[in-house]
Amino acid sequence: MKNWANTQGSDIKTGEGFVVAYSPPPKHDPKVMLMQAMGYEIDMDPFTALMRGDERYILKGDHKEAYDALIEHGWEACFAYYTSNQSMRHPKSTDALREKRAKTLN
């Protein structure tokens, strides 16, 4: 996989008008350990986010290889991959949060 930049611990690749970012689990980071000790919920699992504007479509796990093959085909190809892997959708994904909000309002 080529052209993935590492920024603040995440691997990032840019498509036309969107970005894919992979965040590995934090390593024994003293800040993370302190926040956990203080009772903050810290997501320790790796995830891959497909991002455009303020939308974040997040899958649990490492999906860099799949997105790497799709980025050159554009947003629609990457979003189709995301929608075909809903069983791995992260609860903080834009669509998951919208669904949660809608249920709260009803």
Protein backbone atom coordinates (compact mmCIF):
# COMPACT_ATOMS: atom_id res chain seq x y z
CA MET A 1 0.00 0.00 0.00
CA LYS A 2 1.48 3.28 -1.10
CA ASN A 3 0.97 6.91 -0.22
CA TRP A 4 -0.46 6.51 3.27
CA ALA A 5 0.76 9.36 5.47
CA ASN A 6 1.16 8.91 9.21
CA THR A 7 -0.31 11.80 11.16
CA GLN A 8 -0.49 11.78 14.97
CA GLY A 9 -0.53 7.98 15.05
CA SER A 10 -3.13 7.48 12.29
CA ASP A 11 -2.50 6.38 8.71
CA ILE A 12 -4.26 8.69 6.26
CA LYS A 13 -4.88 8.58 2.51
CA THR A 14 -6.71 11.23 0.53
CA GLY A 15 -9.16 10.66 -2.29
CA GLU A 16 -10.89 13.27 -4.41
CA GLY A 17 -12.98 15.16 -1.85
CA PHE A 18 -12.64 12.61 0.95
CA VAL A 19 -10.15 10.99 3.32
CA VAL A 20 -9.66 7.49 4.72
CA ALA A 21 -7.94 7.21 8.11
CA TYR A 22 -6.87 4.12 10.01
CA SER A 23 -6.32 4.45 13.75
CA PRO A 24 -4.49 1.56 15.38
CA PRO A 25 -5.05 0.78 19.05
CA PRO A 26 -3.16 3.16 21.32
CA LYS A 27 0.07 1.69 22.63
CA HIS A 28 0.89 2.02 26.30
CA ASP A 29 0.30 5.75 26.16
CA PRO A 30 0.52 7.28 29.67
CA LYS A 31 -2.19 9.84 28.75
CA VAL A 32 -4.59 7.09 27.71
CA MET A 33 -3.84 5.07 30.84
CA LEU A 34 -4.41 8.15 33.03
CA MET A 35 -7.73 8.94 31.34
CA GLN A 36 -8.87 5.33 31.83
CA ALA A 37 -7.89 5.52 35.50
CA MET A 38 -9.98 8.70 35.79
CA GLY A 39 -13.02 6.80 34.46
CA TYR A 40 -13.03 8.04 30.87
CA GLU A 41 -14.16 5.51 28.29
CA ILE A 42 -11.33 5.16 25.77
CA ASP A 43 -11.84 3.15 22.57
CA MET A 44 -8.89 0.74 22.53
CA ASP A 45 -9.90 -1.06 19.34
CA PRO A 46 -8.54 -0.15 15.90
CA PHE A 47 -10.92 1.47 13.42
CA THR A 48 -10.98 2.83 9.88
CA ALA A 49 -12.92 5.99 9.02
CA LEU A 50 -14.18 7.17 5.65
CA MET A 51 -14.56 10.93 6.01
CA ARG A 52 -16.12 13.66 3.89
CA GLY A 53 -16.98 17.07 5.30
CA ASP A 54 -18.35 16.50 8.79
CA GLU A 55 -19.44 12.92 8.02
CA ARG A 56 -17.51 10.02 9.54
CA TYR A 57 -18.35 6.51 8.37
CA ILE A 58 -16.38 4.27 10.70
CA LEU A 59 -15.75 0.54 10.60
CA LYS A 60 -14.21 -1.42 13.44
CA GLY A 61 -10.86 -2.95 12.52
CA ASP A 62 -8.24 -2.42 9.85
CA HIS A 63 -9.79 -1.83 6.40
CA LYS A 64 -6.81 -0.03 4.84
CA GLU A 65 -6.17 -2.71 2.24
CA ALA A 66 -9.76 -2.69 0.97
CA TYR A 67 -10.01 1.10 0.88
CA ASP A 68 -6.56 1.34 -0.70
CA ALA A 69 -7.87 -0.57 -3.71
CA LEU A 70 -11.03 1.57 -3.89
CA ILE A 71 -9.84 5.14 -3.27
CA GLU A 72 -8.87 5.70 -6.91
CA HIS A 73 -12.45 4.74 -7.88
CA GLY A 74 -13.87 7.56 -5.77
CA TRP A 75 -16.25 8.22 -2.91
CA GLU A 76 -19.07 6.04 -4.23
CA ALA A 77 -16.86 2.94 -4.40
CA CYS A 78 -15.54 3.53 -0.89
CA PHE A 79 -19.01 4.24 0.51
CA ALA A 80 -20.35 1.07 -1.15
CA TYR A 81 -17.65 -0.90 0.70
CA TYR A 82 -18.68 0.79 3.95
CA THR A 83 -22.37 -0.01 3.45
CA SER A 84 -21.57 -3.64 2.57
CA ASN A 85 -19.77 -4.06 5.92
CA GLN A 86 -22.42 -2.79 8.32
CA SER A 87 -21.80 -5.66 10.72
CA MET A 88 -18.52 -3.91 11.57
CA ARG A 89 -19.99 -0.41 11.87
CA HIS A 90 -18.62 1.57 14.79
CA PRO A 91 -21.24 3.06 17.16
CA LYS A 92 -19.73 6.54 16.65
CA SER A 93 -20.22 6.41 12.89
CA THR A 94 -22.33 9.26 11.48
CA ASP A 95 -25.21 7.01 10.43
CA ALA A 96 -25.20 5.09 13.73
CA LEU A 97 -25.41 8.37 15.66
CA ARG A 98 -28.26 9.59 13.42
CA GLU A 99 -30.19 6.36 14.05
CA LYS A 100 -29.62 6.67 17.79
CA ARG A 101 -30.83 10.29 17.77
CA ALA A 102 -33.92 9.37 15.72
CA LYS A 103 -34.84 6.63 18.21
CA THR A 104 -34.44 9.09 21.07
CA LEU A 105 -36.77 11.60 19.41
CA ASN A 106 -39.51 9.01 18.75
